[in-house]
Amino acid sequence: MIVWHYTILEHLRSIQADGVIVPGGTENSPFIIRRHKQAVWFSSDPVWEATAGPAFFDSSFRRVERTWQDMQRNVGIGRIGVEPHTAPYRWSDWKRMSGATAKEARKYYIAAMKFGGRPGDWFLTFDAVPSAKWVSLEIHDGHGWVADAQTAVAA
């Protein structure tokens, strides 16, 4: 099994250039919880993790969550795969280890479920994940996930 760090293409290229996924990342996701211990998040979902996409604002300055289809068509999406032992913690561990209160964790859980997230699929680590631990780097070409031609990552 591989677990996936999903992101938009712009962020994937930045991660590639840095050679590391850092806790909290550079991503503008409503599900990156800045007040608590930062983590690198992964999902076992083989298609997409609904909470991975950044939010944007419409012409009335209302926050709108981007759908997978919108991001795939308009900004591009990518993912980095690792073995599960690289991200050994689960949602229940994050709740216990992050410093979040039970009320805060419940709020994030409800928001994630509202947008189609599946906390049961989540894996995480509180450590940076260097490229030496990546087993796959892929982009979505509009039809499916394909190995990223710009990077050779040994499977």
N, C-alpha and C. Protein backbone atom coordinates (compact mmCIF):
# COMPACT_ATOMS: atom_id res chain seq x y z
N MET A 1 0.84 -1.19 0.00
CA MET A 1 0.00 0.00 0.00
C MET A 1 0.89 1.25 0.00
N ILE A 2 0.43 2.26 -0.68
CA ILE A 2 1.06 3.57 -0.68
C ILE A 2 0.05 4.56 -0.11
N VAL A 3 0.54 5.53 0.67
CA VAL A 3 -0.31 6.64 1.10
C VAL A 3 0.18 7.89 0.38
N TRP A 4 -0.75 8.80 0.10
CA TRP A 4 -0.49 9.90 -0.82
C TRP A 4 -0.60 11.27 -0.17
N HIS A 5 0.36 12.12 -0.49
CA HIS A 5 0.29 13.54 -0.14
C HIS A 5 -0.22 14.24 -1.40
N TYR A 6 -1.49 14.64 -1.38
CA TYR A 6 -2.11 15.29 -2.54
C TYR A 6 -1.92 16.80 -2.46
N THR A 7 -1.75 17.43 -3.62
CA THR A 7 -1.55 18.87 -3.65
C THR A 7 -1.82 19.39 -5.06
N ILE A 8 -1.81 20.70 -5.19
CA ILE A 8 -1.92 21.28 -6.53
C ILE A 8 -0.54 21.31 -7.17
N LEU A 9 -0.50 21.41 -8.49
CA LEU A 9 0.74 21.29 -9.24
C LEU A 9 1.78 22.34 -8.84
N GLU A 10 1.35 23.57 -8.61
CA GLU A 10 2.28 24.63 -8.20
C GLU A 10 3.01 24.23 -6.92
N HIS A 11 2.29 23.69 -5.95
CA HIS A 11 2.91 23.29 -4.70
C HIS A 11 3.77 22.04 -4.88
N LEU A 12 3.32 21.14 -5.76
CA LEU A 12 4.12 19.96 -6.04
C LEU A 12 5.49 20.35 -6.59
N ARG A 13 5.52 21.31 -7.50
CA ARG A 13 6.79 21.77 -8.09
C ARG A 13 7.69 22.41 -7.02
N SER A 14 7.09 23.14 -6.09
CA SER A 14 7.86 23.74 -5.00
C SER A 14 8.44 22.66 -4.08
N ILE A 15 7.63 21.66 -3.78
CA ILE A 15 8.10 20.54 -2.95
C ILE A 15 9.23 19.81 -3.67
N GLN A 16 9.08 19.57 -4.97
CA GLN A 16 10.13 18.92 -5.75
C GLN A 16 11.43 19.72 -5.68
N ALA A 17 11.33 21.02 -5.87
CA ALA A 17 12.53 21.88 -5.87
C ALA A 17 13.22 21.84 -4.51
N ASP A 18 12.43 21.81 -3.44
CA ASP A 18 12.99 21.77 -2.09
C ASP A 18 13.50 20.38 -1.72
N GLY A 19 12.92 19.35 -2.35
CA GLY A 19 13.31 17.98 -2.05
C GLY A 19 12.79 17.47 -0.72
N VAL A 20 11.75 18.12 -0.22
CA VAL A 20 11.21 17.73 1.08
C VAL A 20 9.78 18.26 1.23
N ILE A 21 8.94 17.47 1.88
CA ILE A 21 7.61 17.94 2.28
C ILE A 21 7.74 18.34 3.74
N VAL A 22 7.45 19.58 4.05
CA VAL A 22 7.61 20.05 5.42
C VAL A 22 6.26 20.08 6.15
N PRO A 23 6.27 19.86 7.45
CA PRO A 23 5.02 19.93 8.21
C PRO A 23 4.36 21.30 8.05
N GLY A 24 3.08 21.27 7.76
CA GLY A 24 2.34 22.51 7.55
C GLY A 24 2.44 23.01 6.13
N GLY A 25 3.51 22.70 5.45
CA GLY A 25 3.70 23.05 4.05
C GLY A 25 3.55 24.52 3.75
N THR A 26 3.42 24.81 2.48
CA THR A 26 3.21 26.17 2.01
C THR A 26 1.79 26.35 1.52
N GLU A 27 1.01 25.31 1.67
CA GLU A 27 -0.31 25.28 1.06
C GLU A 27 -1.33 26.10 1.83
N ASN A 28 -2.25 26.71 1.10
CA ASN A 28 -3.30 27.53 1.67
C ASN A 28 -4.59 26.72 1.78
N SER A 29 -4.54 25.67 2.55
CA SER A 29 -5.71 24.83 2.72
C SER A 29 -6.42 25.20 4.02
N PRO A 30 -7.75 25.21 4.01
CA PRO A 30 -8.46 25.48 5.26
C PRO A 30 -8.28 24.36 6.27
N PHE A 31 -7.70 23.24 5.85
CA PHE A 31 -7.54 22.11 6.74
C PHE A 31 -6.14 22.00 7.31
N ILE A 32 -5.26 22.94 6.99
CA ILE A 32 -3.97 23.01 7.66
C ILE A 32 -4.19 23.84 8.91
N ILE A 33 -3.98 23.23 10.03
CA ILE A 33 -4.35 23.82 11.30
C ILE A 33 -3.11 24.46 11.91
N ARG A 34 -2.96 25.75 11.71
CA ARG A 34 -1.73 26.46 12.05
C ARG A 34 -1.49 26.63 13.55
N ARG A 35 -2.53 26.61 14.38
CA ARG A 35 -2.34 26.86 15.81
C ARG A 35 -1.79 25.65 16.55
N HIS A 36 -1.76 24.51 15.89
CA HIS A 36 -1.38 23.28 16.56
C HIS A 36 -0.11 22.71 15.95
N LYS A 37 0.42 21.68 16.57
CA LYS A 37 1.63 21.03 16.08
C LYS A 37 1.42 20.65 14.61
N GLN A 38 2.35 21.09 13.77
CA GLN A 38 2.20 20.90 12.32
C GLN A 38 2.55 19.48 11.90
N ALA A 39 1.89 19.02 10.86
CA ALA A 39 2.08 17.66 10.36
C ALA A 39 2.15 17.67 8.85
N VAL A 40 2.66 16.59 8.30
CA VAL A 40 2.57 16.31 6.87
C VAL A 40 1.46 15.26 6.75
N TRP A 41 0.45 15.59 5.96
CA TRP A 41 -0.74 14.75 5.85
C TRP A 41 -0.72 13.92 4.58
N PHE A 42 -1.21 12.68 4.70
CA PHE A 42 -1.32 11.74 3.59
C PHE A 42 -2.70 11.10 3.65
N SER A 43 -3.09 10.48 2.54
CA SER A 43 -4.36 9.76 2.49
C SER A 43 -4.16 8.44 1.78
N SER A 44 -4.88 7.44 2.23
CA SER A 44 -4.85 6.15 1.53
C SER A 44 -5.83 6.12 0.36
N ASP A 45 -6.63 7.18 0.19
CA ASP A 45 -7.56 7.22 -0.94
C ASP A 45 -6.75 7.22 -2.24
N PRO A 46 -7.01 6.30 -3.15
CA PRO A 46 -6.21 6.21 -4.37
C PRO A 46 -6.55 7.24 -5.44
N VAL A 47 -7.58 8.05 -5.23
CA VAL A 47 -7.99 9.02 -6.24
C VAL A 47 -7.67 10.44 -5.83
N TRP A 48 -8.11 10.87 -4.65
CA TRP A 48 -7.92 12.25 -4.21
C TRP A 48 -8.37 12.38 -2.76
N GLU A 49 -7.80 13.30 -2.04
CA GLU A 49 -8.25 13.63 -0.68
C GLU A 49 -8.93 14.99 -0.74
N ALA A 50 -10.21 15.01 -0.42
CA ALA A 50 -11.01 16.22 -0.58
C ALA A 50 -10.50 17.41 0.21
N THR A 51 -9.79 17.18 1.30
CA THR A 51 -9.30 18.30 2.10
C THR A 51 -7.93 18.81 1.63
N ALA A 52 -7.40 18.25 0.56
CA ALA A 52 -6.07 18.64 0.08
C ALA A 52 -6.05 19.93 -0.72
N GLY A 53 -7.16 20.34 -1.24
CA GLY A 53 -7.18 21.49 -2.12
C GLY A 53 -7.29 22.82 -1.40
N PRO A 54 -6.68 23.84 -1.97
CA PRO A 54 -6.78 25.17 -1.37
C PRO A 54 -8.14 25.79 -1.63
N ALA A 55 -8.52 26.70 -0.78
CA ALA A 55 -9.75 27.47 -0.96
C ALA A 55 -9.44 28.67 -1.84
N PHE A 56 -10.46 29.27 -2.41
CA PHE A 56 -10.29 30.52 -3.12
C PHE A 56 -11.49 31.39 -2.83
N PHE A 57 -11.45 32.64 -3.27
CA PHE A 57 -12.53 33.58 -2.99
C PHE A 57 -13.20 33.97 -4.29
N ASP A 58 -14.55 34.01 -4.27
CA ASP A 58 -15.28 34.39 -5.47
C ASP A 58 -15.32 35.91 -5.59
N SER A 59 -16.05 36.42 -6.59
CA SER A 59 -16.09 37.86 -6.85
C SER A 59 -16.72 38.66 -5.70
N SER A 60 -17.47 37.98 -4.83
CA SER A 60 -18.07 38.65 -3.66
C SER A 60 -17.21 38.44 -2.41
N PHE A 61 -16.00 37.94 -2.60
CA PHE A 61 -15.05 37.68 -1.51
C PHE A 61 -15.57 36.66 -0.51
N ARG A 62 -16.40 35.72 -0.99
CA ARG A 62 -16.83 34.60 -0.15
C ARG A 62 -15.87 33.44 -0.38
N ARG A 63 -15.51 32.78 0.69
CA ARG A 63 -14.62 31.63 0.60
C ARG A 63 -15.35 30.48 -0.08
N VAL A 64 -14.72 29.91 -1.09
CA VAL A 64 -15.30 28.80 -1.84
C VAL A 64 -14.26 27.68 -1.89
N GLU A 65 -14.67 26.47 -1.57
CA GLU A 65 -13.74 25.35 -1.65
C GLU A 65 -13.71 24.86 -3.10
N ARG A 66 -12.52 24.62 -3.59
CA ARG A 66 -12.38 24.13 -4.95
C ARG A 66 -12.64 22.63 -4.99
N THR A 67 -13.35 22.20 -6.01
CA THR A 67 -13.59 20.77 -6.18
C THR A 67 -12.38 20.14 -6.85
N TRP A 68 -12.32 18.83 -6.77
CA TRP A 68 -11.26 18.08 -7.43
C TRP A 68 -11.27 18.37 -8.93
N GLN A 69 -12.45 18.36 -9.51
CA GLN A 69 -12.56 18.60 -10.94
C GLN A 69 -12.08 20.00 -11.32
N ASP A 70 -12.43 20.99 -10.53
CA ASP A 70 -11.99 22.36 -10.78
C ASP A 70 -10.47 22.46 -10.71
N MET A 71 -9.90 21.89 -9.67
CA MET A 71 -8.44 21.96 -9.53
C MET A 71 -7.75 21.18 -10.63
N GLN A 72 -8.26 20.02 -10.97
CA GLN A 72 -7.65 19.20 -12.02
C GLN A 72 -7.64 19.95 -13.34
N ARG A 73 -8.74 20.61 -13.67
CA ARG A 73 -8.86 21.34 -14.95
C ARG A 73 -8.10 22.65 -14.96
N ASN A 74 -8.14 23.39 -13.86
CA ASN A 74 -7.66 24.77 -13.87
C ASN A 74 -6.29 25.02 -13.26
N VAL A 75 -5.86 24.21 -12.31
CA VAL A 75 -4.55 24.46 -11.69
C VAL A 75 -3.64 23.25 -11.73
N GLY A 76 -4.16 22.09 -12.02
CA GLY A 76 -3.37 20.87 -12.04
C GLY A 76 -3.18 20.31 -10.64
N ILE A 77 -3.14 19.00 -10.57
CA ILE A 77 -2.97 18.34 -9.28
C ILE A 77 -1.88 17.28 -9.37
N GLY A 78 -1.27 17.02 -8.23
CA GLY A 78 -0.22 16.02 -8.16
C GLY A 78 -0.25 15.32 -6.82
N ARG A 79 0.60 14.33 -6.70
CA ARG A 79 0.67 13.60 -5.45
C ARG A 79 2.03 12.94 -5.29
N ILE A 80 2.41 12.77 -4.05
CA ILE A 80 3.65 12.10 -3.71
C ILE A 80 3.28 10.91 -2.83
N GLY A 81 3.75 9.74 -3.21
CA GLY A 81 3.45 8.54 -2.45
C GLY A 81 4.61 8.12 -1.56
N VAL A 82 4.26 7.61 -0.39
CA VAL A 82 5.23 7.06 0.55
C VAL A 82 4.66 5.77 1.12
N GLU A 83 5.53 4.97 1.71
CA GLU A 83 5.06 3.79 2.41
C GLU A 83 4.41 4.22 3.73
N PRO A 84 3.41 3.50 4.19
CA PRO A 84 2.68 3.93 5.40
C PRO A 84 3.55 4.14 6.63
N HIS A 85 4.65 3.41 6.77
CA HIS A 85 5.49 3.60 7.97
C HIS A 85 6.16 4.98 7.98
N THR A 86 6.21 5.66 6.83
CA THR A 86 6.76 7.02 6.77
C THR A 86 5.82 8.01 7.46
N ALA A 87 4.53 7.71 7.43
CA ALA A 87 3.51 8.54 8.08
C ALA A 87 2.74 7.63 9.04
N PRO A 88 3.34 7.34 10.21
CA PRO A 88 2.80 6.29 11.07
C PRO A 88 1.59 6.66 11.91
N TYR A 89 1.22 7.93 11.94
CA TYR A 89 0.14 8.37 12.81
C TYR A 89 -1.18 8.50 12.06
N ARG A 90 -2.26 8.43 12.81
CA ARG A 90 -3.61 8.53 12.25
C ARG A 90 -4.32 9.73 12.88
N TRP A 91 -5.55 9.98 12.45
CA TRP A 91 -6.34 11.10 12.96
C TRP A 91 -6.44 11.05 14.49
N SER A 92 -6.69 9.88 15.05
CA SER A 92 -6.81 9.78 16.51
C SER A 92 -5.50 10.16 17.20
N ASP A 93 -4.37 9.85 16.57
CA ASP A 93 -3.07 10.25 17.13
C ASP A 93 -2.90 11.77 17.06
N TRP A 94 -3.30 12.36 15.92
CA TRP A 94 -3.19 13.82 15.78
C TRP A 94 -3.99 14.52 16.89
N LYS A 95 -5.19 14.03 17.15
CA LYS A 95 -6.03 14.65 18.19
C LYS A 95 -5.32 14.61 19.54
N ARG A 96 -4.64 13.54 19.83
CA ARG A 96 -3.95 13.37 21.10
C ARG A 96 -2.62 14.12 21.16
N MET A 97 -1.90 14.21 20.04
CA MET A 97 -0.53 14.71 20.04
C MET A 97 -0.36 16.16 19.60
N SER A 98 -1.38 16.73 18.98
CA SER A 98 -1.23 18.04 18.33
C SER A 98 -1.40 19.24 19.25
N GLY A 99 -2.04 19.03 20.38
CA GLY A 99 -2.35 20.15 21.26
C GLY A 99 -3.73 20.73 21.01
N ALA A 100 -4.48 20.16 20.09
CA ALA A 100 -5.85 20.62 19.83
C ALA A 100 -6.77 20.16 20.95
N THR A 101 -7.74 21.00 21.28
CA THR A 101 -8.75 20.58 22.24
C THR A 101 -9.73 19.64 21.55
N ALA A 102 -10.50 18.91 22.32
CA ALA A 102 -11.50 18.01 21.75
C ALA A 102 -12.50 18.80 20.91
N LYS A 103 -12.87 19.99 21.37
CA LYS A 103 -13.82 20.83 20.63
C LYS A 103 -13.23 21.26 19.29
N GLU A 104 -11.94 21.66 19.28
CA GLU A 104 -11.30 22.07 18.03
C GLU A 104 -11.19 20.89 17.06
N ALA A 105 -10.78 19.73 17.57
CA ALA A 105 -10.66 18.55 16.72
C ALA A 105 -12.00 18.18 16.11
N ARG A 106 -13.06 18.26 16.89
CA ARG A 106 -14.41 17.95 16.38
C ARG A 106 -14.79 18.93 15.28
N LYS A 107 -14.47 20.21 15.46
CA LYS A 107 -14.77 21.23 14.45
C LYS A 107 -14.07 20.90 13.13
N TYR A 108 -12.79 20.53 13.20
CA TYR A 108 -12.05 20.19 11.99
C TYR A 108 -12.61 18.92 11.35
N TYR A 109 -12.98 17.95 12.16
CA TYR A 109 -13.55 16.70 11.67
C TYR A 109 -14.85 16.98 10.91
N ILE A 110 -15.72 17.77 11.49
CA ILE A 110 -16.99 18.10 10.85
C ILE A 110 -16.77 18.85 9.54
N ALA A 111 -15.84 19.81 9.54
CA ALA A 111 -15.53 20.55 8.31
C ALA A 111 -14.97 19.61 7.24
N ALA A 112 -14.08 18.72 7.62
CA ALA A 112 -13.51 17.77 6.65
C ALA A 112 -14.61 16.89 6.06
N MET A 113 -15.49 16.38 6.89
CA MET A 113 -16.58 15.53 6.40
C MET A 113 -17.50 16.31 5.47
N LYS A 114 -17.75 17.57 5.79
CA LYS A 114 -18.61 18.41 4.94
C LYS A 114 -18.08 18.50 3.52
N PHE A 115 -16.75 18.55 3.38
CA PHE A 115 -16.14 18.69 2.06
C PHE A 115 -15.75 17.35 1.44
N GLY A 116 -16.15 16.25 2.06
CA GLY A 116 -15.90 14.93 1.48
C GLY A 116 -14.64 14.26 1.98
N GLY A 117 -13.99 14.83 2.99
CA GLY A 117 -12.81 14.19 3.57
C GLY A 117 -13.17 12.93 4.32
N ARG A 118 -12.21 12.03 4.42
CA ARG A 118 -12.43 10.77 5.13
C ARG A 118 -11.31 10.57 6.14
N PRO A 119 -11.48 11.06 7.37
CA PRO A 119 -10.44 10.95 8.38
C PRO A 119 -9.92 9.53 8.59
N GLY A 120 -10.73 8.54 8.32
CA GLY A 120 -10.28 7.15 8.44
C GLY A 120 -9.20 6.80 7.43
N ASP A 121 -9.07 7.60 6.37
CA ASP A 121 -8.04 7.38 5.34
C ASP A 121 -6.75 8.15 5.61
N TRP A 122 -6.74 8.99 6.63
CA TRP A 122 -5.62 9.90 6.85
C TRP A 122 -4.46 9.24 7.60
N PHE A 123 -3.27 9.57 7.13
CA PHE A 123 -2.02 9.19 7.77
C PHE A 123 -1.21 10.47 7.91
N LEU A 124 -0.33 10.55 8.89
CA LEU A 124 0.46 11.77 9.05
C LEU A 124 1.76 11.49 9.78
N THR A 125 2.64 12.45 9.66
CA THR A 125 3.87 12.47 10.42
C THR A 125 4.12 13.91 10.87
N PHE A 126 4.80 14.06 11.98
CA PHE A 126 5.16 15.39 12.45
C PHE A 126 6.56 15.78 11.97
N ASP A 127 7.20 14.88 11.23
CA ASP A 127 8.54 15.12 10.70
C ASP A 127 8.49 15.50 9.23
N ALA A 128 9.51 16.21 8.78
CA ALA A 128 9.65 16.48 7.35
C ALA A 128 9.85 15.14 6.62
N VAL A 129 9.39 15.09 5.36
CA VAL A 129 9.52 13.87 4.57
C VAL A 129 10.41 14.17 3.37
N PRO A 130 11.70 13.79 3.44
CA PRO A 130 12.63 14.08 2.35
C PRO A 130 12.36 13.18 1.13
N SER A 131 12.83 13.62 -0.01
CA SER A 131 12.59 12.89 -1.26
C SER A 131 13.12 11.47 -1.23
N ALA A 132 14.10 11.17 -0.40
CA ALA A 132 14.62 9.80 -0.29
C ALA A 132 13.53 8.82 0.18
N LYS A 133 12.49 9.34 0.83
CA LYS A 133 11.40 8.49 1.31
C LYS A 133 10.22 8.41 0.34
N TRP A 134 10.26 9.18 -0.74
CA TRP A 134 9.18 9.15 -1.72
C TRP A 134 9.32 7.89 -2.58
N VAL A 135 8.22 7.21 -2.81
CA VAL A 135 8.25 6.04 -3.69
C VAL A 135 7.55 6.31 -5.02
N SER A 136 6.81 7.40 -5.09
CA SER A 136 6.11 7.75 -6.33
C SER A 136 5.81 9.24 -6.34
N LEU A 137 5.92 9.82 -7.52
CA LEU A 137 5.53 11.22 -7.72
C LEU A 137 4.73 11.24 -9.01
N GLU A 138 3.47 11.68 -8.91
CA GLU A 138 2.56 11.58 -10.05
C GLU A 138 1.78 12.88 -10.25
N ILE A 139 1.34 13.06 -11.48
CA ILE A 139 0.43 14.15 -11.79
C ILE A 139 -0.81 13.55 -12.44
N HIS A 140 -1.89 14.29 -12.37
CA HIS A 140 -3.12 13.85 -13.03
C HIS A 140 -3.16 14.49 -14.40
N ASP A 141 -3.25 13.67 -15.44
CA ASP A 141 -3.20 14.18 -16.82
C ASP A 141 -4.58 14.44 -17.42
N GLY A 142 -5.62 14.42 -16.59
CA GLY A 142 -6.98 14.60 -17.08
C GLY A 142 -7.70 13.29 -17.30
N HIS A 143 -6.95 12.21 -17.32
CA HIS A 143 -7.53 10.88 -17.50
C HIS A 143 -7.21 9.95 -16.35
N GLY A 144 -6.07 10.19 -15.73
CA GLY A 144 -5.64 9.34 -14.62
C GLY A 144 -4.31 9.79 -14.08
N TRP A 145 -3.85 9.11 -13.05
CA TRP A 145 -2.57 9.43 -12.44
C TRP A 145 -1.45 8.80 -13.24
N VAL A 146 -0.43 9.60 -13.56
CA VAL A 146 0.73 9.13 -14.31
C VAL A 146 2.00 9.60 -13.63
N ALA A 147 3.07 8.81 -13.81
CA ALA A 147 4.36 9.20 -13.25
C ALA A 147 4.75 10.55 -13.82
N ASP A 148 5.30 11.42 -12.97
CA ASP A 148 5.71 12.74 -13.39
C ASP A 148 6.99 12.65 -14.19
N ALA A 149 6.93 13.03 -15.44
CA ALA A 149 8.09 12.92 -16.35
C ALA A 149 9.23 13.85 -15.92
N GLN A 150 8.96 14.88 -15.12
CA GLN A 150 10.02 15.81 -14.71
C GLN A 150 10.88 15.26 -13.59
N THR A 151 10.45 14.18 -12.98
CA THR A 151 11.20 13.64 -11.83
C THR A 151 11.27 12.14 -11.93
N ALA A 152 12.43 11.59 -11.71
CA ALA A 152 12.57 10.14 -11.66
C ALA A 152 12.57 9.73 -10.19
N VAL A 153 11.50 9.08 -9.77
CA VAL A 153 11.40 8.59 -8.41
C VAL A 153 11.31 7.08 -8.50
N ALA A 154 12.24 6.39 -7.89
CA ALA A 154 12.24 4.93 -7.94
C ALA A 154 11.04 4.37 -7.19
N ALA A 155 10.38 3.44 -7.80
CA ALA A 155 9.23 2.80 -7.13
C ALA A 155 9.70 1.63 -6.29
